[in-house]
Amino acid sequence: MTSLPMTVGELLPTFAAELRGLLERVGRQDLAGQVVTLPVVARCTCGEDSCAHFYTTPPPQSSYPLGHSTLSLPAASGTIILDIVCGQIAAVEVLDRSDVKSVIDHYLPLKA
């Protein structure tokens, strides 16, 4: 039996609170309400040292479908950009955040 993926709230509680606060600050309460329960299903495999990009839906095979948009958030440190598909957070692009990267690396290690 396959276990369910951990949620952002379970895996990254401090980051989840920050992300929720940033979304509320920019007036996106619709997205803020999703944060804690979003599953962390995959990660970016680029291998860049600064990348902690993770997916909350299966990664697209090529590009996202119609209804895709991005939202850059005013983070105090690093870069946070959301991929949104039809009103749902599909991915969280996180750069230059060692606190997030170390957790993602442990939870979803890159294959050698």
PDB file of N, CA and C in Angstrom:
ATOM      1  N   MET A   1       0.833  -1.185   0.000  1.00  0.00           N
ATOM      2  CA  MET A   1       0.000   0.000   0.000  1.00  0.00           C
ATOM      3  C   MET A   1       0.876   1.246   0.000  1.00  0.00           C
ATOM      4  N   THR A   2       0.577   2.185  -0.886  1.00  0.00           N
ATOM      5  CA  THR A   2       1.357   3.413  -0.992  1.00  0.00           C
ATOM      6  C   THR A   2       0.862   4.428   0.029  1.00  0.00           C
ATOM      7  N   SER A   3       1.784   5.040   0.744  1.00  0.00           N
ATOM      8  CA  SER A   3       1.376   6.049   1.715  1.00  0.00           C
ATOM      9  C   SER A   3       1.125   7.378   1.013  1.00  0.00           C
ATOM     10  N   LEU A   4       0.263   8.158   1.605  1.00  0.00           N
ATOM     11  CA  LEU A   4      -0.039   9.475   1.052  1.00  0.00           C
ATOM     12  C   LEU A   4       1.160  10.391   1.225  1.00  0.00           C
ATOM     13  N   PRO A   5       1.358  11.326   0.274  1.00  0.00           N
ATOM     14  CA  PRO A   5       2.470  12.272   0.445  1.00  0.00           C
ATOM     15  C   PRO A   5       2.207  13.203   1.624  1.00  0.00           C
ATOM     16  N   MET A   6       3.274  13.659   2.224  1.00  0.00           N
ATOM     17  CA  MET A   6       3.145  14.643   3.306  1.00  0.00           C
ATOM     18  C   MET A   6       2.642  15.952   2.717  1.00  0.00           C
ATOM     19  N   THR A   7       1.974  16.729   3.546  1.00  0.00           N
ATOM     20  CA  THR A   7       1.491  18.034   3.110  1.00  0.00           C
ATOM     21  C   THR A   7       2.545  19.100   3.414  1.00  0.00           C
ATOM     22  N   VAL A   8       2.383  20.259   2.795  1.00  0.00           N
ATOM     23  CA  VAL A   8       3.292  21.379   3.070  1.00  0.00           C
ATOM     24  C   VAL A   8       3.244  21.724   4.559  1.00  0.00           C
ATOM     25  N   GLY A   9       2.052  21.696   5.146  1.00  0.00           N
ATOM     26  CA  GLY A   9       1.913  21.997   6.571  1.00  0.00           C
ATOM     27  C   GLY A   9       2.633  21.013   7.472  1.00  0.00           C
ATOM     28  N   GLU A  10       2.653  19.744   7.095  1.00  0.00           N
ATOM     29  CA  GLU A  10       3.340  18.717   7.885  1.00  0.00           C
ATOM     30  C   GLU A  10       4.849  18.778   7.682  1.00  0.00           C
ATOM     31  N   LEU A  11       5.265  18.929   6.437  1.00  0.00           N
ATOM     32  CA  LEU A  11       6.677  18.859   6.084  1.00  0.00           C
ATOM     33  C   LEU A  11       7.422  20.157   6.384  1.00  0.00           C
ATOM     34  N   LEU A  12       6.778  21.271   6.117  1.00  0.00           N
ATOM     35  CA  LEU A  12       7.412  22.583   6.230  1.00  0.00           C
ATOM     36  C   LEU A  12       6.495  23.552   6.984  1.00  0.00           C
ATOM     37  N   PRO A  13       6.211  23.302   8.260  1.00  0.00           N
ATOM     38  CA  PRO A  13       5.227  24.131   8.966  1.00  0.00           C
ATOM     39  C   PRO A  13       5.581  25.617   9.029  1.00  0.00           C
ATOM     40  N   THR A  14       6.835  25.945   9.248  1.00  0.00           N
ATOM     41  CA  THR A  14       7.232  27.357   9.321  1.00  0.00           C
ATOM     42  C   THR A  14       7.104  28.011   7.957  1.00  0.00           C
ATOM     43  N   PHE A  15       7.556  27.332   6.912  1.00  0.00           N
ATOM     44  CA  PHE A  15       7.440  27.857   5.553  1.00  0.00           C
ATOM     45  C   PHE A  15       5.969  27.967   5.151  1.00  0.00           C
ATOM     46  N   ALA A  16       5.151  26.992   5.533  1.00  0.00           N
ATOM     47  CA  ALA A  16       3.719  27.041   5.214  1.00  0.00           C
ATOM     48  C   ALA A  16       3.072  28.285   5.825  1.00  0.00           C
ATOM     49  N   ALA A  17       3.422  28.584   7.064  1.00  0.00           N
ATOM     50  CA  ALA A  17       2.877  29.777   7.720  1.00  0.00           C
ATOM     51  C   ALA A  17       3.341  31.046   6.998  1.00  0.00           C
ATOM     52  N   GLU A  18       4.603  31.072   6.600  1.00  0.00           N
ATOM     53  CA  GLU A  18       5.133  32.221   5.860  1.00  0.00           C
ATOM     54  C   GLU A  18       4.409  32.368   4.515  1.00  0.00           C
ATOM     55  N   LEU A  19       4.267  31.267   3.807  1.00  0.00           N
ATOM     56  CA  LEU A  19       3.617  31.291   2.503  1.00  0.00           C
ATOM     57  C   LEU A  19       2.162  31.751   2.627  1.00  0.00           C
ATOM     58  N   ARG A  20       1.478  31.228   3.597  1.00  0.00           N
ATOM     59  CA  ARG A  20       0.087  31.640   3.834  1.00  0.00           C
ATOM     60  C   ARG A  20       0.017  33.144   4.125  1.00  0.00           C
ATOM     61  N   GLY A  21       0.914  33.628   4.975  1.00  0.00           N
ATOM     62  CA  GLY A  21       0.946  35.061   5.300  1.00  0.00           C
ATOM     63  C   GLY A  21       1.236  35.930   4.087  1.00  0.00           C
ATOM     64  N   LEU A  22       2.169  35.490   3.246  1.00  0.00           N
ATOM     65  CA  LEU A  22       2.491  36.245   2.025  1.00  0.00           C
ATOM     66  C   LEU A  22       1.289  36.301   1.089  1.00  0.00           C
ATOM     67  N   LEU A  23       0.585  35.191   0.959  1.00  0.00           N
ATOM     68  CA  LEU A  23      -0.597  35.160   0.094  1.00  0.00           C
ATOM     69  C   LEU A  23      -1.703  36.063   0.641  1.00  0.00           C
ATOM     70  N   GLU A  24      -1.879  36.058   1.937  1.00  0.00           N
ATOM     71  CA  GLU A  24      -2.872  36.947   2.540  1.00  0.00           C
ATOM     72  C   GLU A  24      -2.477  38.407   2.328  1.00  0.00           C
ATOM     73  N   ARG A  25      -1.182  38.686   2.453  1.00  0.00           N
ATOM     74  CA  ARG A  25      -0.688  40.055   2.282  1.00  0.00           C
ATOM     75  C   ARG A  25      -0.937  40.587   0.874  1.00  0.00           C
ATOM     76  N   VAL A  26      -0.887  39.713  -0.127  1.00  0.00           N
ATOM     77  CA  VAL A  26      -1.127  40.158  -1.503  1.00  0.00           C
ATOM     78  C   VAL A  26      -2.582  39.962  -1.924  1.00  0.00           C
ATOM     79  N   GLY A  27      -3.444  39.667  -0.950  1.00  0.00           N
ATOM     80  CA  GLY A  27      -4.869  39.578  -1.233  1.00  0.00           C
ATOM     81  C   GLY A  27      -5.335  38.298  -1.881  1.00  0.00           C
ATOM     82  N   ARG A  28      -4.592  37.228  -1.711  1.00  0.00           N
ATOM     83  CA  ARG A  28      -4.965  35.944  -2.330  1.00  0.00           C
ATOM     84  C   ARG A  28      -5.382  34.937  -1.254  1.00  0.00           C
ATOM     85  N   GLN A  29      -6.429  35.278  -0.534  1.00  0.00           N
ATOM     86  CA  GLN A  29      -6.947  34.387   0.494  1.00  0.00           C
ATOM     87  C   GLN A  29      -7.397  33.052  -0.104  1.00  0.00           C
ATOM     88  N   ASP A  30      -7.862  33.069  -1.360  1.00  0.00           N
ATOM     89  CA  ASP A  30      -8.270  31.830  -2.026  1.00  0.00           C
ATOM     90  C   ASP A  30      -7.124  30.834  -2.096  1.00  0.00           C
ATOM     91  N   LEU A  31      -5.919  31.326  -2.319  1.00  0.00           N
ATOM     92  CA  LEU A  31      -4.743  30.451  -2.371  1.00  0.00           C
ATOM     93  C   LEU A  31      -4.189  30.177  -0.974  1.00  0.00           C
ATOM     94  N   ALA A  32      -4.266  31.161  -0.093  1.00  0.00           N
ATOM     95  CA  ALA A  32      -3.751  31.001   1.273  1.00  0.00           C
ATOM     96  C   ALA A  32      -4.415  29.825   1.974  1.00  0.00           C
ATOM     97  N   GLY A  33      -5.695  29.643   1.726  1.00  0.00           N
ATOM     98  CA  GLY A  33      -6.425  28.543   2.348  1.00  0.00           C
ATOM     99  C   GLY A  33      -5.991  27.172   1.879  1.00  0.00           C
ATOM    100  N   GLN A  34      -5.299  27.096   0.762  1.00  0.00           N
ATOM    101  CA  GLN A  34      -4.839  25.808   0.219  1.00  0.00           C
ATOM    102  C   GLN A  34      -3.515  25.339   0.827  1.00  0.00           C
ATOM    103  N   VAL A  35      -2.706  26.259   1.305  1.00  0.00           N
ATOM    104  CA  VAL A  35      -1.304  25.991   1.614  1.00  0.00           C
ATOM    105  C   VAL A  35      -1.068  24.804   2.543  1.00  0.00           C
ATOM    106  N   VAL A  36      -1.696  24.798   3.694  1.00  0.00           N
ATOM    107  CA  VAL A  36      -1.388  23.795   4.720  1.00  0.00           C
ATOM    108  C   VAL A  36      -1.680  22.376   4.248  1.00  0.00           C
ATOM    109  N   THR A  37      -2.706  22.195   3.426  1.00  0.00           N
ATOM    110  CA  THR A  37      -3.105  20.843   3.018  1.00  0.00           C
ATOM    111  C   THR A  37      -2.555  20.414   1.661  1.00  0.00           C
ATOM    112  N   LEU A  38      -1.743  21.246   1.015  1.00  0.00           N
ATOM    113  CA  LEU A  38      -1.170  20.868  -0.277  1.00  0.00           C
ATOM    114  C   LEU A  38      -0.215  19.690  -0.116  1.00  0.00           C
ATOM    115  N   PRO A  39      -0.379  18.644  -0.930  1.00  0.00           N
ATOM    116  CA  PRO A  39       0.567  17.532  -0.851  1.00  0.00           C
ATOM    117  C   PRO A  39       1.874  17.890  -1.567  1.00  0.00           C
ATOM    118  N   VAL A  40       2.989  17.401  -1.057  1.00  0.00           N
ATOM    119  CA  VAL A  40       4.283  17.568  -1.727  1.00  0.00           C
ATOM    120  C   VAL A  40       4.517  16.260  -2.487  1.00  0.00           C
ATOM    121  N   VAL A  41       4.245  16.285  -3.804  1.00  0.00           N
ATOM    122  CA  VAL A  41       4.247  15.045  -4.585  1.00  0.00           C
ATOM    123  C   VAL A  41       5.519  14.798  -5.400  1.00  0.00           C
ATOM    124  N   ALA A  42       6.251  15.851  -5.705  1.00  0.00           N
ATOM    125  CA  ALA A  42       7.481  15.708  -6.495  1.00  0.00           C
ATOM    126  C   ALA A  42       8.337  16.940  -6.304  1.00  0.00           C
ATOM    127  N   ARG A  43       9.552  16.851  -6.790  1.00  0.00           N
ATOM    128  CA  ARG A  43      10.470  17.983  -6.711  1.00  0.00           C
ATOM    129  C   ARG A  43      11.096  18.242  -8.071  1.00  0.00           C
ATOM    130  N   CYS A  44      11.645  19.405  -8.228  1.00  0.00           N
ATOM    131  CA  CYS A  44      12.415  19.731  -9.415  1.00  0.00           C
ATOM    132  C   CYS A  44      13.689  18.884  -9.379  1.00  0.00           C
ATOM    133  N   THR A  45      14.101  18.422 -10.541  1.00  0.00           N
ATOM    134  CA  THR A  45      15.294  17.576 -10.606  1.00  0.00           C
ATOM    135  C   THR A  45      16.460  18.269 -11.307  1.00  0.00           C
ATOM    136  N   CYS A  46      16.430  19.606 -11.351  1.00  0.00           N
ATOM    137  CA  CYS A  46      17.489  20.339 -12.046  1.00  0.00           C
ATOM    138  C   CYS A  46      18.861  20.165 -11.392  1.00  0.00           C
ATOM    139  N   GLY A  47      18.879  19.920 -10.080  1.00  0.00           N
ATOM    140  CA  GLY A  47      20.140  19.712  -9.382  1.00  0.00           C
ATOM    141  C   GLY A  47      20.873  20.986  -8.981  1.00  0.00           C
ATOM    142  N   GLU A  48      20.284  22.146  -9.256  1.00  0.00           N
ATOM    143  CA  GLU A  48      20.918  23.406  -8.855  1.00  0.00           C
ATOM    144  C   GLU A  48      20.975  23.499  -7.324  1.00  0.00           C
ATOM    145  N   ASP A  49      22.081  24.001  -6.810  1.00  0.00           N
ATOM    146  CA  ASP A  49      22.268  24.101  -5.366  1.00  0.00           C
ATOM    147  C   ASP A  49      21.229  24.966  -4.673  1.00  0.00           C
ATOM    148  N   SER A  50      20.698  25.947  -5.367  1.00  0.00           N
ATOM    149  CA  SER A  50      19.773  26.879  -4.734  1.00  0.00           C
ATOM    150  C   SER A  50      18.303  26.493  -4.905  1.00  0.00           C
ATOM    151  N   CYS A  51      18.015  25.415  -5.645  1.00  0.00           N
ATOM    152  CA  CYS A  51      16.638  25.083  -6.020  1.00  0.00           C
ATOM    153  C   CYS A  51      15.955  24.162  -5.010  1.00  0.00           C
ATOM    154  N   ALA A  52      14.791  24.603  -4.518  1.00  0.00           N
ATOM    155  CA  ALA A  52      13.945  23.787  -3.647  1.00  0.00           C
ATOM    156  C   ALA A  52      12.520  23.758  -4.201  1.00  0.00           C
ATOM    157  N   HIS A  53      12.401  23.851  -5.508  1.00  0.00           N
ATOM    158  CA  HIS A  53      11.114  23.867  -6.215  1.00  0.00           C
ATOM    159  C   HIS A  53      10.432  22.512  -6.020  1.00  0.00           C
ATOM    160  N   PHE A  54       9.159  22.549  -5.588  1.00  0.00           N
ATOM    161  CA  PHE A  54       8.412  21.310  -5.421  1.00  0.00           C
ATOM    162  C   PHE A  54       7.027  21.431  -6.031  1.00  0.00           C
ATOM    163  N   TYR A  55       6.454  20.284  -6.352  1.00  0.00           N
ATOM    164  CA  TYR A  55       5.150  20.204  -7.003  1.00  0.00           C
ATOM    165  C   TYR A  55       4.101  19.711  -6.020  1.00  0.00           C
ATOM    166  N   THR A  56       2.904  20.265  -6.144  1.00  0.00           N
ATOM    167  CA  THR A  56       1.783  19.836  -5.319  1.00  0.00           C
ATOM    168  C   THR A  56       0.755  19.068  -6.149  1.00  0.00           C
ATOM    169  N   THR A  57       1.010  18.978  -7.433  1.00  0.00           N
ATOM    170  CA  THR A  57       0.280  18.115  -8.365  1.00  0.00           C
ATOM    171  C   THR A  57       1.355  17.444  -9.222  1.00  0.00           C
ATOM    172  N   PRO A  58       1.043  16.368  -9.908  1.00  0.00           N
ATOM    173  CA  PRO A  58       2.073  15.746 -10.742  1.00  0.00           C
ATOM    174  C   PRO A  58       2.665  16.760 -11.733  1.00  0.00           C
ATOM    175  N   PRO A  59       3.993  16.771 -11.884  1.00  0.00           N
ATOM    176  CA  PRO A  59       4.627  17.722 -12.807  1.00  0.00           C
ATOM    177  C   PRO A  59       4.100  17.532 -14.228  1.00  0.00           C
ATOM    178  N   PRO A  60       3.950  18.628 -14.962  1.00  0.00           N
ATOM    179  CA  PRO A  60       3.481  18.496 -16.344  1.00  0.00           C
ATOM    180  C   PRO A  60       4.530  17.803 -17.210  1.00  0.00           C
ATOM    181  N   GLN A  61       4.079  17.103 -18.225  1.00  0.00           N
ATOM    182  CA  GLN A  61       4.995  16.423 -19.139  1.00  0.00           C
ATOM    183  C   GLN A  61       5.729  17.421 -20.030  1.00  0.00           C
ATOM    184  N   SER A  62       5.076  18.506 -20.388  1.00  0.00           N
ATOM    185  CA  SER A  62       5.739  19.544 -21.192  1.00  0.00           C
ATOM    186  C   SER A  62       5.466  20.898 -20.545  1.00  0.00           C
ATOM    187  N   SER A  63       4.364  21.521 -20.889  1.00  0.00           N
ATOM    188  CA  SER A  63       4.032  22.800 -20.273  1.00  0.00           C
ATOM    189  C   SER A  63       2.669  22.686 -19.606  1.00  0.00           C
ATOM    190  N   TYR A  64       2.381  23.635 -18.741  1.00  0.00           N
ATOM    191  CA  TYR A  64       1.086  23.644 -18.081  1.00  0.00           C
ATOM    192  C   TYR A  64      -0.017  23.943 -19.096  1.00  0.00           C
ATOM    193  N   PRO A  65      -1.234  23.490 -18.817  1.00  0.00           N
ATOM    194  CA  PRO A  65      -2.346  23.724 -19.736  1.00  0.00           C
ATOM    195  C   PRO A  65      -2.871  25.159 -19.642  1.00  0.00           C
ATOM    196  N   LEU A  66      -3.853  25.459 -20.468  1.00  0.00           N
ATOM    197  CA  LEU A  66      -4.540  26.748 -20.366  1.00  0.00           C
ATOM    198  C   LEU A  66      -5.048  26.905 -18.939  1.00  0.00           C
ATOM    199  N   GLY A  67      -5.084  28.122 -18.483  1.00  0.00           N
ATOM    200  CA  GLY A  67      -5.486  28.377 -17.107  1.00  0.00           C
ATOM    201  C   GLY A  67      -4.301  28.473 -16.168  1.00  0.00           C
ATOM    202  N   HIS A  68      -3.074  28.420 -16.710  1.00  0.00           N
ATOM    203  CA  HIS A  68      -1.856  28.518 -15.904  1.00  0.00           C
ATOM    204  C   HIS A  68      -1.454  29.977 -15.739  1.00  0.00           C
ATOM    205  N   SER A  69      -1.050  30.309 -14.523  1.00  0.00           N
ATOM    206  CA  SER A  69      -0.481  31.632 -14.260  1.00  0.00           C
ATOM    207  C   SER A  69       0.589  31.470 -13.185  1.00  0.00           C
ATOM    208  N   THR A  70       1.381  32.510 -13.017  1.00  0.00           N
ATOM    209  CA  THR A  70       2.389  32.500 -11.965  1.00  0.00           C
ATOM    210  C   THR A  70       2.148  33.687 -11.048  1.00  0.00           C
ATOM    211  N   LEU A  71       2.610  33.543  -9.829  1.00  0.00           N
ATOM    212  CA  LEU A  71       2.484  34.614  -8.844  1.00  0.00           C
ATOM    213  C   LEU A  71       3.784  34.689  -8.067  1.00  0.00           C
ATOM    214  N   SER A  72       4.496  35.800  -8.221  1.00  0.00           N
ATOM    215  CA  SER A  72       5.735  36.037  -7.485  1.00  0.00           C
ATOM    216  C   SER A  72       5.367  36.688  -6.154  1.00  0.00           C
ATOM    217  N   LEU A  73       5.904  36.138  -5.075  1.00  0.00           N
ATOM    218  CA  LEU A  73       5.566  36.642  -3.742  1.00  0.00           C
ATOM    219  C   LEU A  73       6.723  37.441  -3.153  1.00  0.00           C
ATOM    220  N   PRO A  74       6.399  38.472  -2.363  1.00  0.00           N
ATOM    221  CA  PRO A  74       7.428  39.347  -1.784  1.00  0.00           C
ATOM    222  C   PRO A  74       8.080  38.742  -0.544  1.00  0.00           C
ATOM    223  N   ALA A  75       8.824  37.684  -0.724  1.00  0.00           N
ATOM    224  CA  ALA A  75       9.488  36.998   0.389  1.00  0.00           C
ATOM    225  C   ALA A  75      10.605  37.853   0.965  1.00  0.00           C
ATOM    226  N   ALA A  76      10.798  37.757   2.273  1.00  0.00           N
ATOM    227  CA  ALA A  76      11.877  38.495   2.930  1.00  0.00           C
ATOM    228  C   ALA A  76      13.236  37.914   2.558  1.00  0.00           C
ATOM    229  N   SER A  77      13.266  36.616   2.256  1.00  0.00           N
ATOM    230  CA  SER A  77      14.514  36.002   1.803  1.00  0.00           C
ATOM    231  C   SER A  77      14.199  35.012   0.705  1.00  0.00           C
ATOM    232  N   GLY A  78      15.127  34.868  -0.218  1.00  0.00           N
ATOM    233  CA  GLY A  78      14.952  33.957  -1.331  1.00  0.00           C
ATOM    234  C   GLY A  78      13.884  34.425  -2.304  1.00  0.00           C
ATOM    235  N   THR A  79      13.522  33.519  -3.189  1.00  0.00           N
ATOM    236  CA  THR A  79      12.513  33.782  -4.208  1.00  0.00           C
ATOM    237  C   THR A  79      11.427  32.730  -4.095  1.00  0.00           C
ATOM    238  N   ILE A  80      10.172  33.174  -4.126  1.00  0.00           N
ATOM    239  CA  ILE A  80       9.038  32.255  -4.097  1.00  0.00           C
ATOM    240  C   ILE A  80       8.094  32.652  -5.222  1.00  0.00           C
ATOM    241  N   ILE A  81       7.862  31.702  -6.134  1.00  0.00           N
ATOM    242  CA  ILE A  81       6.935  31.918  -7.248  1.00  0.00           C
ATOM    243  C   ILE A  81       6.003  30.708  -7.296  1.00  0.00           C
ATOM    244  N   LEU A  82       4.711  30.979  -7.347  1.00  0.00           N
ATOM    245  CA  LEU A  82       3.735  29.901  -7.428  1.00  0.00           C
ATOM    246  C   LEU A  82       3.307  29.673  -8.860  1.00  0.00           C
ATOM    247  N   ASP A  83       3.131  28.420  -9.224  1.00  0.00           N
ATOM    248  CA  ASP A  83       2.478  28.046 -10.469  1.00  0.00           C
ATOM    249  C   ASP A  83       1.047  27.708 -10.089  1.00  0.00           C
ATOM    250  N   ILE A  84       0.107  28.374 -10.717  1.00  0.00           N
ATOM    251  CA  ILE A  84      -1.306  28.206 -10.405  1.00  0.00           C
ATOM    252  C   ILE A  84      -2.009  27.720 -11.662  1.00  0.00           C
ATOM    253  N   VAL A  85      -2.781  26.643 -11.530  1.00  0.00           N
ATOM    254  CA  VAL A  85      -3.529  26.093 -12.656  1.00  0.00           C
ATOM    255  C   VAL A  85      -5.002  26.032 -12.247  1.00  0.00           C
ATOM    256  N   CYS A  86      -5.808  26.797 -12.962  1.00  0.00           N
ATOM    257  CA  CYS A  86      -7.257  26.813 -12.712  1.00  0.00           C
ATOM    258  C   CYS A  86      -7.576  27.048 -11.231  1.00  0.00           C
ATOM    259  N   GLY A  87      -6.875  28.003 -10.624  1.00  0.00           N
ATOM    260  CA  GLY A  87      -7.150  28.392  -9.248  1.00  0.00           C
ATOM    261  C   GLY A  87      -6.534  27.511  -8.181  1.00  0.00           C
ATOM    262  N   GLN A  88      -5.734  26.515  -8.576  1.00  0.00           N
ATOM    263  CA  GLN A  88      -5.094  25.619  -7.623  1.00  0.00           C
ATOM    264  C   GLN A  88      -3.573  25.783  -7.696  1.00  0.00           C
ATOM    265  N   ILE A  89      -2.925  25.796  -6.551  1.00  0.00           N
ATOM    266  CA  ILE A  89      -1.462  25.847  -6.523  1.00  0.00           C
ATOM    267  C   ILE A  89      -0.934  24.500  -7.008  1.00  0.00           C
ATOM    268  N   ALA A  90      -0.196  24.522  -8.118  1.00  0.00           N
ATOM    269  CA  ALA A  90       0.337  23.298  -8.717  1.00  0.00           C
ATOM    270  C   ALA A  90       1.807  23.082  -8.372  1.00  0.00           C
ATOM    271  N   ALA A  91       2.531  24.172  -8.115  1.00  0.00           N
ATOM    272  CA  ALA A  91       3.954  24.063  -7.782  1.00  0.00           C
ATOM    273  C   ALA A  91       4.383  25.308  -7.021  1.00  0.00           C
ATOM    274  N   VAL A  92       5.414  25.125  -6.210  1.00  0.00           N
ATOM    275  CA  VAL A  92       5.997  26.220  -5.449  1.00  0.00           C
ATOM    276  C   VAL A  92       7.467  26.275  -5.823  1.00  0.00           C
ATOM    277  N   GLU A  93       7.826  27.305  -6.564  1.00  0.00           N
ATOM    278  CA  GLU A  93       9.219  27.490  -6.971  1.00  0.00           C
ATOM    279  C   GLU A  93       9.924  28.266  -5.865  1.00  0.00           C
ATOM    280  N   VAL A  94      10.911  27.644  -5.265  1.00  0.00           N
ATOM    281  CA  VAL A  94      11.638  28.241  -4.152  1.00  0.00           C
ATOM    282  C   VAL A  94      13.117  28.231  -4.496  1.00  0.00           C
ATOM    283  N   LEU A  95      13.728  29.397  -4.446  1.00  0.00           N
ATOM    284  CA  LEU A  95      15.160  29.522  -4.718  1.00  0.00           C
ATOM    285  C   LEU A  95      15.841  30.238  -3.561  1.00  0.00           C
ATOM    286  N   ASP A  96      17.081  29.859  -3.308  1.00  0.00           N
ATOM    287  CA  ASP A  96      17.922  30.514  -2.301  1.00  0.00           C
ATOM    288  C   ASP A  96      17.307  30.472  -0.905  1.00  0.00           C
ATOM    289  N   ARG A  97      16.752  29.319  -0.559  1.00  0.00           N
ATOM    290  CA  ARG A  97      16.177  29.109   0.783  1.00  0.00           C
ATOM    291  C   ARG A  97      16.682  27.775   1.310  1.00  0.00           C
ATOM    292  N   SER A  98      17.818  27.806   1.994  1.00  0.00           N
ATOM    293  CA  SER A  98      18.418  26.568   2.497  1.00  0.00           C
ATOM    294  C   SER A  98      17.507  25.864   3.502  1.00  0.00           C
ATOM    295  N   ASP A  99      16.683  26.621   4.237  1.00  0.00           N
ATOM    296  CA  ASP A  99      15.769  26.010   5.201  1.00  0.00           C
ATOM    297  C   ASP A  99      14.757  25.099   4.508  1.00  0.00           C
ATOM    298  N   VAL A 100      14.267  25.504   3.354  1.00  0.00           N
ATOM    299  CA  VAL A 100      13.314  24.700   2.589  1.00  0.00           C
ATOM    300  C   VAL A 100      14.053  23.591   1.834  1.00  0.00           C
ATOM    301  N   LYS A 101      15.173  23.934   1.232  1.00  0.00           N
ATOM    302  CA  LYS A 101      15.923  22.964   0.436  1.00  0.00           C
ATOM    303  C   LYS A 101      16.366  21.760   1.261  1.00  0.00           C
ATOM    304  N   SER A 102      16.837  21.981   2.470  1.00  0.00           N
ATOM    305  CA  SER A 102      17.311  20.852   3.281  1.00  0.00           C
ATOM    306  C   SER A 102      16.174  19.872   3.577  1.00  0.00           C
ATOM    307  N   VAL A 103      14.982  20.374   3.807  1.00  0.00           N
ATOM    308  CA  VAL A 103      13.834  19.500   4.075  1.00  0.00           C
ATOM    309  C   VAL A 103      13.423  18.755   2.809  1.00  0.00           C
ATOM    310  N   ILE A 104      13.345  19.470   1.687  1.00  0.00           N
ATOM    311  CA  ILE A 104      12.973  18.842   0.412  1.00  0.00           C
ATOM    312  C   ILE A 104      14.016  17.786   0.021  1.00  0.00           C
ATOM    313  N   ASP A 105      15.297  18.107   0.197  1.00  0.00           N
ATOM    314  CA  ASP A 105      16.366  17.147  -0.123  1.00  0.00           C
ATOM    315  C   ASP A 105      16.230  15.866   0.704  1.00  0.00           C
ATOM    316  N   HIS A 106      15.853  15.995   1.952  1.00  0.00           N
ATOM    317  CA  HIS A 106      15.698  14.826   2.822  1.00  0.00           C
ATOM    318  C   HIS A 106      14.442  14.034   2.455  1.00  0.00           C
ATOM    319  N   TYR A 107      13.347  14.734   2.195  1.00  0.00           N
ATOM    320  CA  TYR A 107      12.063  14.082   1.905  1.00  0.00           C
ATOM    321  C   TYR A 107      12.033  13.445   0.521  1.00  0.00           C
ATOM    322  N   LEU A 108      12.564  14.162  -0.467  1.00  0.00           N
ATOM    323  CA  LEU A 108      12.581  13.691  -1.849  1.00  0.00           C
ATOM    324  C   LEU A 108      13.998  13.823  -2.415  1.00  0.00           C
ATOM    325  N   PRO A 109      14.909  12.954  -1.987  1.00  0.00           N
ATOM    326  CA  PRO A 109      16.304  13.082  -2.455  1.00  0.00           C
ATOM    327  C   PRO A 109      16.410  12.908  -3.962  1.00  0.00           C
ATOM    328  N   LEU A 110      17.338  13.650  -4.535  1.00  0.00           N
ATOM    329  CA  LEU A 110      17.625  13.488  -5.966  1.00  0.00           C
ATOM    330  C   LEU A 110      18.257  12.140  -6.193  1.00  0.00           C
ATOM    331  N   LYS A 111      17.868  11.500  -7.269  1.00  0.00           N
ATOM    332  CA  LYS A 111      18.455  10.202  -7.614  1.00  0.00           C
ATOM    333  C   LYS A 111      19.859  10.427  -8.173  1.00  0.00           C
ATOM    334  N   ALA A 112      20.802   9.608  -7.750  1.00  0.00           N
ATOM    335  CA  ALA A 112      22.186   9.747  -8.209  1.00  0.00           C
ATOM    336  C   ALA A 112      22.372   9.206  -9.604  1.00  0.00           C
TER     337      ALA A 112
END
